[in-house]
Amino acid sequence: MIKLEIPRKDEIHLAIVDKLTNLALAHSVRVNPLLKLPLLTDGKARFEGSDSIEAYLNETEEELHTWWYCAC
């Protein structure tokens, strides 16, 4: 399960939550005001900051799209 911690509920951070929800991935979200940047953990992989999280989610979206249409 993907775990996302955001420092506050604002437009930038809620966009990450929306992306996770739209990808239909199992995830949990927690507000952690001690953080300066959002933190996403997926197993042993950790991504800190909106840009790196967005890049990871875009890559994951591409993989999901490839598998969805795979004629394996």
PDB file of N, CA and C in Angstrom:
ATOM      1  N   MET A   1       0.828  -1.171   0.000  1.00  0.00           N
ATOM      2  CA  MET A   1       0.000   0.000   0.000  1.00  0.00           C
ATOM      3  C   MET A   1       0.878   1.241   0.000  1.00  0.00           C
ATOM      4  N   ILE A   2       0.476   2.216  -0.764  1.00  0.00           N
ATOM      5  CA  ILE A   2       1.188   3.488  -0.832  1.00  0.00           C
ATOM      6  C   ILE A   2       0.765   4.340   0.356  1.00  0.00           C
ATOM      7  N   LYS A   3       1.750   4.948   1.004  1.00  0.00           N
ATOM      8  CA  LYS A   3       1.472   5.844   2.124  1.00  0.00           C
ATOM      9  C   LYS A   3       1.943   7.239   1.745  1.00  0.00           C
ATOM     10  N   LEU A   4       1.054   8.187   1.872  1.00  0.00           N
ATOM     11  CA  LEU A   4       1.366   9.574   1.549  1.00  0.00           C
ATOM     12  C   LEU A   4       1.181  10.413   2.801  1.00  0.00           C
ATOM     13  N   GLU A   5       2.205  11.190   3.118  1.00  0.00           N
ATOM     14  CA  GLU A   5       2.114  12.153   4.211  1.00  0.00           C
ATOM     15  C   GLU A   5       2.277  13.545   3.612  1.00  0.00           C
ATOM     16  N   ILE A   6       1.354  14.422   3.939  1.00  0.00           N
ATOM     17  CA  ILE A   6       1.412  15.790   3.429  1.00  0.00           C
ATOM     18  C   ILE A   6       1.491  16.755   4.609  1.00  0.00           C
ATOM     19  N   PRO A   7       2.213  17.864   4.429  1.00  0.00           N
ATOM     20  CA  PRO A   7       2.354  18.802   5.541  1.00  0.00           C
ATOM     21  C   PRO A   7       1.080  19.589   5.840  1.00  0.00           C
ATOM     22  N   ARG A   8       0.235  19.778   4.834  1.00  0.00           N
ATOM     23  CA  ARG A   8      -1.014  20.525   5.014  1.00  0.00           C
ATOM     24  C   ARG A   8      -1.946  20.230   3.839  1.00  0.00           C
ATOM     25  N   LYS A   9      -3.209  20.505   4.037  1.00  0.00           N
ATOM     26  CA  LYS A   9      -4.196  20.314   2.974  1.00  0.00           C
ATOM     27  C   LYS A   9      -4.277  21.599   2.166  1.00  0.00           C
ATOM     28  N   ASP A  10      -3.528  21.646   1.094  1.00  0.00           N
ATOM     29  CA  ASP A  10      -3.610  22.778   0.181  1.00  0.00           C
ATOM     30  C   ASP A  10      -3.725  22.235  -1.239  1.00  0.00           C
ATOM     31  N   GLU A  11      -3.873  23.118  -2.181  1.00  0.00           N
ATOM     32  CA  GLU A  11      -4.148  22.715  -3.563  1.00  0.00           C
ATOM     33  C   GLU A  11      -3.072  21.784  -4.132  1.00  0.00           C
ATOM     34  N   ILE A  12      -1.816  22.093  -3.896  1.00  0.00           N
ATOM     35  CA  ILE A  12      -0.720  21.283  -4.440  1.00  0.00           C
ATOM     36  C   ILE A  12      -0.743  19.870  -3.861  1.00  0.00           C
ATOM     37  N   HIS A  13      -0.899  19.771  -2.562  1.00  0.00           N
ATOM     38  CA  HIS A  13      -0.860  18.461  -1.920  1.00  0.00           C
ATOM     39  C   HIS A  13      -2.129  17.652  -2.191  1.00  0.00           C
ATOM     40  N   LEU A  14      -3.260  18.326  -2.262  1.00  0.00           N
ATOM     41  CA  LEU A  14      -4.505  17.607  -2.554  1.00  0.00           C
ATOM     42  C   LEU A  14      -4.533  17.113  -4.002  1.00  0.00           C
ATOM     43  N   ALA A  15      -3.768  17.765  -4.887  1.00  0.00           N
ATOM     44  CA  ALA A  15      -3.653  17.276  -6.269  1.00  0.00           C
ATOM     45  C   ALA A  15      -2.958  15.919  -6.299  1.00  0.00           C
ATOM     46  N   ILE A  16      -1.996  15.703  -5.411  1.00  0.00           N
ATOM     47  CA  ILE A  16      -1.324  14.408  -5.318  1.00  0.00           C
ATOM     48  C   ILE A  16      -2.312  13.346  -4.835  1.00  0.00           C
ATOM     49  N   VAL A  17      -3.110  13.708  -3.848  1.00  0.00           N
ATOM     50  CA  VAL A  17      -4.132  12.786  -3.334  1.00  0.00           C
ATOM     51  C   VAL A  17      -5.114  12.433  -4.450  1.00  0.00           C
ATOM     52  N   ASP A  18      -5.536  13.422  -5.222  1.00  0.00           N
ATOM     53  CA  ASP A  18      -6.456  13.175  -6.336  1.00  0.00           C
ATOM     54  C   ASP A  18      -5.853  12.230  -7.360  1.00  0.00           C
ATOM     55  N   LYS A  19      -4.573  12.409  -7.652  1.00  0.00           N
ATOM     56  CA  LYS A  19      -3.903  11.540  -8.630  1.00  0.00           C
ATOM     57  C   LYS A  19      -3.883  10.098  -8.135  1.00  0.00           C
ATOM     58  N   LEU A  20      -3.573   9.893  -6.864  1.00  0.00           N
ATOM     59  CA  LEU A  20      -3.582   8.541  -6.291  1.00  0.00           C
ATOM     60  C   LEU A  20      -4.980   7.929  -6.392  1.00  0.00           C
ATOM     61  N   THR A  21      -5.979   8.707  -6.068  1.00  0.00           N
ATOM     62  CA  THR A  21      -7.362   8.225  -6.115  1.00  0.00           C
ATOM     63  C   THR A  21      -7.755   7.877  -7.544  1.00  0.00           C
ATOM     64  N   ASN A  22      -7.401   8.734  -8.497  1.00  0.00           N
ATOM     65  CA  ASN A  22      -7.737   8.480  -9.906  1.00  0.00           C
ATOM     66  C   ASN A  22      -7.025   7.251 -10.459  1.00  0.00           C
ATOM     67  N   LEU A  23      -5.842   6.947  -9.944  1.00  0.00           N
ATOM     68  CA  LEU A  23      -5.116   5.755 -10.391  1.00  0.00           C
ATOM     69  C   LEU A  23      -5.690   4.478  -9.762  1.00  0.00           C
ATOM     70  N   ALA A  24      -6.607   4.636  -8.818  1.00  0.00           N
ATOM     71  CA  ALA A  24      -7.251   3.503  -8.131  1.00  0.00           C
ATOM     72  C   ALA A  24      -6.220   2.598  -7.461  1.00  0.00           C
ATOM     73  N   LEU A  25      -5.211   3.235  -6.852  1.00  0.00           N
ATOM     74  CA  LEU A  25      -4.190   2.492  -6.124  1.00  0.00           C
ATOM     75  C   LEU A  25      -4.535   2.500  -4.635  1.00  0.00           C
ATOM     76  N   ALA A  26      -4.267   1.388  -3.972  1.00  0.00           N
ATOM     77  CA  ALA A  26      -4.482   1.332  -2.533  1.00  0.00           C
ATOM     78  C   ALA A  26      -3.520   2.315  -1.864  1.00  0.00           C
ATOM     79  N   HIS A  27      -4.073   3.225  -1.084  1.00  0.00           N
ATOM     80  CA  HIS A  27      -3.232   4.225  -0.442  1.00  0.00           C
ATOM     81  C   HIS A  27      -3.868   4.741   0.845  1.00  0.00           C
ATOM     82  N   SER A  28      -3.015   5.320   1.658  1.00  0.00           N
ATOM     83  CA  SER A  28      -3.481   6.021   2.847  1.00  0.00           C
ATOM     84  C   SER A  28      -2.834   7.400   2.841  1.00  0.00           C
ATOM     85  N   VAL A  29      -3.554   8.368   3.392  1.00  0.00           N
ATOM     86  CA  VAL A  29      -3.065   9.742   3.425  1.00  0.00           C
ATOM     87  C   VAL A  29      -3.140  10.237   4.862  1.00  0.00           C
ATOM     88  N   ARG A  30      -2.078  10.919   5.263  1.00  0.00           N
ATOM     89  CA  ARG A  30      -2.033  11.467   6.616  1.00  0.00           C
ATOM     90  C   ARG A  30      -1.434  12.869   6.556  1.00  0.00           C
ATOM     91  N   VAL A  31      -2.025  13.788   7.286  1.00  0.00           N
ATOM     92  CA  VAL A  31      -1.460  15.129   7.394  1.00  0.00           C
ATOM     93  C   VAL A  31      -0.457  15.118   8.543  1.00  0.00           C
ATOM     94  N   ASN A  32       0.774  15.522   8.228  1.00  0.00           N
ATOM     95  CA  ASN A  32       1.841  15.585   9.222  1.00  0.00           C
ATOM     96  C   ASN A  32       2.432  16.997   9.176  1.00  0.00           C
ATOM     97  N   PRO A  33       1.964  17.887  10.063  1.00  0.00           N
ATOM     98  CA  PRO A  33       2.422  19.277  10.011  1.00  0.00           C
ATOM     99  C   PRO A  33       3.913  19.461  10.309  1.00  0.00           C
ATOM    100  N   LEU A  34       4.589  18.420  10.767  1.00  0.00           N
ATOM    101  CA  LEU A  34       6.030  18.514  11.027  1.00  0.00           C
ATOM    102  C   LEU A  34       6.849  18.437   9.742  1.00  0.00           C
ATOM    103  N   LEU A  35       6.238  17.943   8.672  1.00  0.00           N
ATOM    104  CA  LEU A  35       6.942  17.834   7.390  1.00  0.00           C
ATOM    105  C   LEU A  35       6.985  19.175   6.681  1.00  0.00           C
ATOM    106  N   LYS A  36       8.063  19.398   5.922  1.00  0.00           N
ATOM    107  CA  LYS A  36       8.146  20.577   5.056  1.00  0.00           C
ATOM    108  C   LYS A  36       7.728  20.223   3.638  1.00  0.00           C
ATOM    109  N   LEU A  37       7.965  18.965   3.246  1.00  0.00           N
ATOM    110  CA  LEU A  37       7.631  18.486   1.903  1.00  0.00           C
ATOM    111  C   LEU A  37       6.781  17.228   2.022  1.00  0.00           C
ATOM    112  N   PRO A  38       5.938  16.955   1.020  1.00  0.00           N
ATOM    113  CA  PRO A  38       5.175  15.707   1.056  1.00  0.00           C
ATOM    114  C   PRO A  38       6.108  14.506   0.920  1.00  0.00           C
ATOM    115  N   LEU A  39       5.701  13.389   1.495  1.00  0.00           N
ATOM    116  CA  LEU A  39       6.498  12.168   1.487  1.00  0.00           C
ATOM    117  C   LEU A  39       5.615  11.008   1.072  1.00  0.00           C
ATOM    118  N   LEU A  40       6.019  10.290   0.021  1.00  0.00           N
ATOM    119  CA  LEU A  40       5.291   9.122  -0.451  1.00  0.00           C
ATOM    120  C   LEU A  40       6.177   7.896  -0.261  1.00  0.00           C
ATOM    121  N   THR A  41       5.615   6.865   0.347  1.00  0.00           N
ATOM    122  CA  THR A  41       6.323   5.609   0.557  1.00  0.00           C
ATOM    123  C   THR A  41       5.544   4.496  -0.120  1.00  0.00           C
ATOM    124  N   ASP A  42       6.238   3.732  -0.956  1.00  0.00           N
ATOM    125  CA  ASP A  42       5.639   2.593  -1.644  1.00  0.00           C
ATOM    126  C   ASP A  42       6.585   1.413  -1.429  1.00  0.00           C
ATOM    127  N   GLY A  43       6.282   0.607  -0.428  1.00  0.00           N
ATOM    128  CA  GLY A  43       7.195  -0.472  -0.072  1.00  0.00           C
ATOM    129  C   GLY A  43       8.475   0.132   0.467  1.00  0.00           C
ATOM    130  N   LYS A  44       9.601  -0.192  -0.167  1.00  0.00           N
ATOM    131  CA  LYS A  44      10.893   0.344   0.265  1.00  0.00           C
ATOM    132  C   LYS A  44      11.260   1.633  -0.465  1.00  0.00           C
ATOM    133  N   ALA A  45      10.480   1.998  -1.470  1.00  0.00           N
ATOM    134  CA  ALA A  45      10.746   3.219  -2.232  1.00  0.00           C
ATOM    135  C   ALA A  45      10.164   4.425  -1.507  1.00  0.00           C
ATOM    136  N   ARG A  46      10.960   5.503  -1.447  1.00  0.00           N
ATOM    137  CA  ARG A  46      10.515   6.736  -0.795  1.00  0.00           C
ATOM    138  C   ARG A  46      10.756   7.906  -1.739  1.00  0.00           C
ATOM    139  N   PHE A  47       9.764   8.776  -1.819  1.00  0.00           N
ATOM    140  CA  PHE A  47       9.861   9.949  -2.677  1.00  0.00           C
ATOM    141  C   PHE A  47       9.461  11.166  -1.865  1.00  0.00           C
ATOM    142  N   GLU A  48      10.320  12.181  -1.875  1.00  0.00           N
ATOM    143  CA  GLU A  48      10.069  13.382  -1.093  1.00  0.00           C
ATOM    144  C   GLU A  48       9.975  14.583  -2.020  1.00  0.00           C
ATOM    145  N   GLY A  49       8.941  15.361  -1.853  1.00  0.00           N
ATOM    146  CA  GLY A  49       8.735  16.557  -2.672  1.00  0.00           C
ATOM    147  C   GLY A  49       7.738  16.300  -3.777  1.00  0.00           C
ATOM    148  N   SER A  50       6.996  17.328  -4.117  1.00  0.00           N
ATOM    149  CA  SER A  50       5.934  17.202  -5.115  1.00  0.00           C
ATOM    150  C   SER A  50       6.447  16.739  -6.472  1.00  0.00           C
ATOM    151  N   ASP A  51       7.600  17.262  -6.895  1.00  0.00           N
ATOM    152  CA  ASP A  51       8.118  16.911  -8.222  1.00  0.00           C
ATOM    153  C   ASP A  51       8.479  15.432  -8.316  1.00  0.00           C
ATOM    154  N   SER A  52       9.185  14.906  -7.331  1.00  0.00           N
ATOM    155  CA  SER A  52       9.582  13.494  -7.390  1.00  0.00           C
ATOM    156  C   SER A  52       8.374  12.573  -7.225  1.00  0.00           C
ATOM    157  N   ILE A  53       7.410  12.973  -6.404  1.00  0.00           N
ATOM    158  CA  ILE A  53       6.196  12.171  -6.244  1.00  0.00           C
ATOM    159  C   ILE A  53       5.401  12.167  -7.538  1.00  0.00           C
ATOM    160  N   GLU A  54       5.268  13.327  -8.162  1.00  0.00           N
ATOM    161  CA  GLU A  54       4.529  13.429  -9.425  1.00  0.00           C
ATOM    162  C   GLU A  54       5.206  12.582 -10.512  1.00  0.00           C
ATOM    163  N   ALA A  55       6.530  12.614 -10.578  1.00  0.00           N
ATOM    164  CA  ALA A  55       7.260  11.810 -11.563  1.00  0.00           C
ATOM    165  C   ALA A  55       7.005  10.316 -11.321  1.00  0.00           C
ATOM    166  N   TYR A  56       7.043   9.897 -10.066  1.00  0.00           N
ATOM    167  CA  TYR A  56       6.793   8.494  -9.736  1.00  0.00           C
ATOM    168  C   TYR A  56       5.367   8.090 -10.102  1.00  0.00           C
ATOM    169  N   LEU A  57       4.401   8.936  -9.796  1.00  0.00           N
ATOM    170  CA  LEU A  57       3.004   8.609 -10.118  1.00  0.00           C
ATOM    171  C   LEU A  57       2.772   8.590 -11.631  1.00  0.00           C
ATOM    172  N   ASN A  58       3.432   9.470 -12.356  1.00  0.00           N
ATOM    173  CA  ASN A  58       3.320   9.453 -13.822  1.00  0.00           C
ATOM    174  C   ASN A  58       3.899   8.161 -14.388  1.00  0.00           C
ATOM    175  N   GLU A  59       5.033   7.734 -13.857  1.00  0.00           N
ATOM    176  CA  GLU A  59       5.648   6.475 -14.290  1.00  0.00           C
ATOM    177  C   GLU A  59       4.730   5.293 -13.967  1.00  0.00           C
ATOM    178  N   THR A  60       4.152   5.308 -12.797  1.00  0.00           N
ATOM    179  CA  THR A  60       3.225   4.254 -12.390  1.00  0.00           C
ATOM    180  C   THR A  60       1.996   4.244 -13.294  1.00  0.00           C
ATOM    181  N   GLU A  61       1.505   5.431 -13.631  1.00  0.00           N
ATOM    182  CA  GLU A  61       0.347   5.534 -14.524  1.00  0.00           C
ATOM    183  C   GLU A  61       0.654   4.919 -15.891  1.00  0.00           C
ATOM    184  N   GLU A  62       1.848   5.179 -16.404  1.00  0.00           N
ATOM    185  CA  GLU A  62       2.256   4.600 -17.686  1.00  0.00           C
ATOM    186  C   GLU A  62       2.317   3.074 -17.605  1.00  0.00           C
ATOM    187  N   GLU A  63       2.856   2.556 -16.511  1.00  0.00           N
ATOM    188  CA  GLU A  63       2.917   1.103 -16.330  1.00  0.00           C
ATOM    189  C   GLU A  63       1.522   0.502 -16.262  1.00  0.00           C
ATOM    190  N   LEU A  64       0.622   1.149 -15.543  1.00  0.00           N
ATOM    191  CA  LEU A  64      -0.752   0.651 -15.446  1.00  0.00           C
ATOM    192  C   LEU A  64      -1.422   0.657 -16.817  1.00  0.00           C
ATOM    193  N   HIS A  65      -1.188   1.718 -17.577  1.00  0.00           N
ATOM    194  CA  HIS A  65      -1.762   1.826 -18.917  1.00  0.00           C
ATOM    195  C   HIS A  65      -1.224   0.715 -19.821  1.00  0.00           C
ATOM    196  N   THR A  66       0.072   0.438 -19.735  1.00  0.00           N
ATOM    197  CA  THR A  66       0.697  -0.601 -20.551  1.00  0.00           C
ATOM    198  C   THR A  66       0.124  -1.970 -20.197  1.00  0.00           C
ATOM    199  N   TRP A  67       0.014  -2.263 -18.913  1.00  0.00           N
ATOM    200  CA  TRP A  67      -0.512  -3.564 -18.501  1.00  0.00           C
ATOM    201  C   TRP A  67      -1.981  -3.705 -18.826  1.00  0.00           C
ATOM    202  N   TRP A  68      -2.728  -2.617 -18.727  1.00  0.00           N
ATOM    203  CA  TRP A  68      -4.170  -2.660 -19.007  1.00  0.00           C
ATOM    204  C   TRP A  68      -4.410  -3.085 -20.464  1.00  0.00           C
ATOM    205  N   TYR A  69      -3.585  -2.551 -21.353  1.00  0.00           N
ATOM    206  CA  TYR A  69      -3.761  -2.829 -22.770  1.00  0.00           C
ATOM    207  C   TYR A  69      -2.864  -3.944 -23.283  1.00  0.00           C
ATOM    208  N   CYS A  70      -2.144  -4.589 -22.390  1.00  0.00           N
ATOM    209  CA  CYS A  70      -1.245  -5.669 -22.791  1.00  0.00           C
ATOM    210  C   CYS A  70      -2.045  -6.875 -23.274  1.00  0.00           C
ATOM    211  N   ALA A  71      -1.630  -7.445 -24.388  1.00  0.00           N
ATOM    212  CA  ALA A  71      -2.272  -8.649 -24.915  1.00  0.00           C
ATOM    213  C   ALA A  71      -1.403  -9.859 -24.600  1.00  0.00           C
ATOM    214  N   CYS A  72      -0.882  -9.889 -23.382  1.00  0.00           N
ATOM    215  CA  CYS A  72       0.030 -10.958 -22.972  1.00  0.00           C
ATOM    216  C   CYS A  72      -0.676 -12.297 -22.881  1.00  0.00           C
TER     217      CYS A  72
END
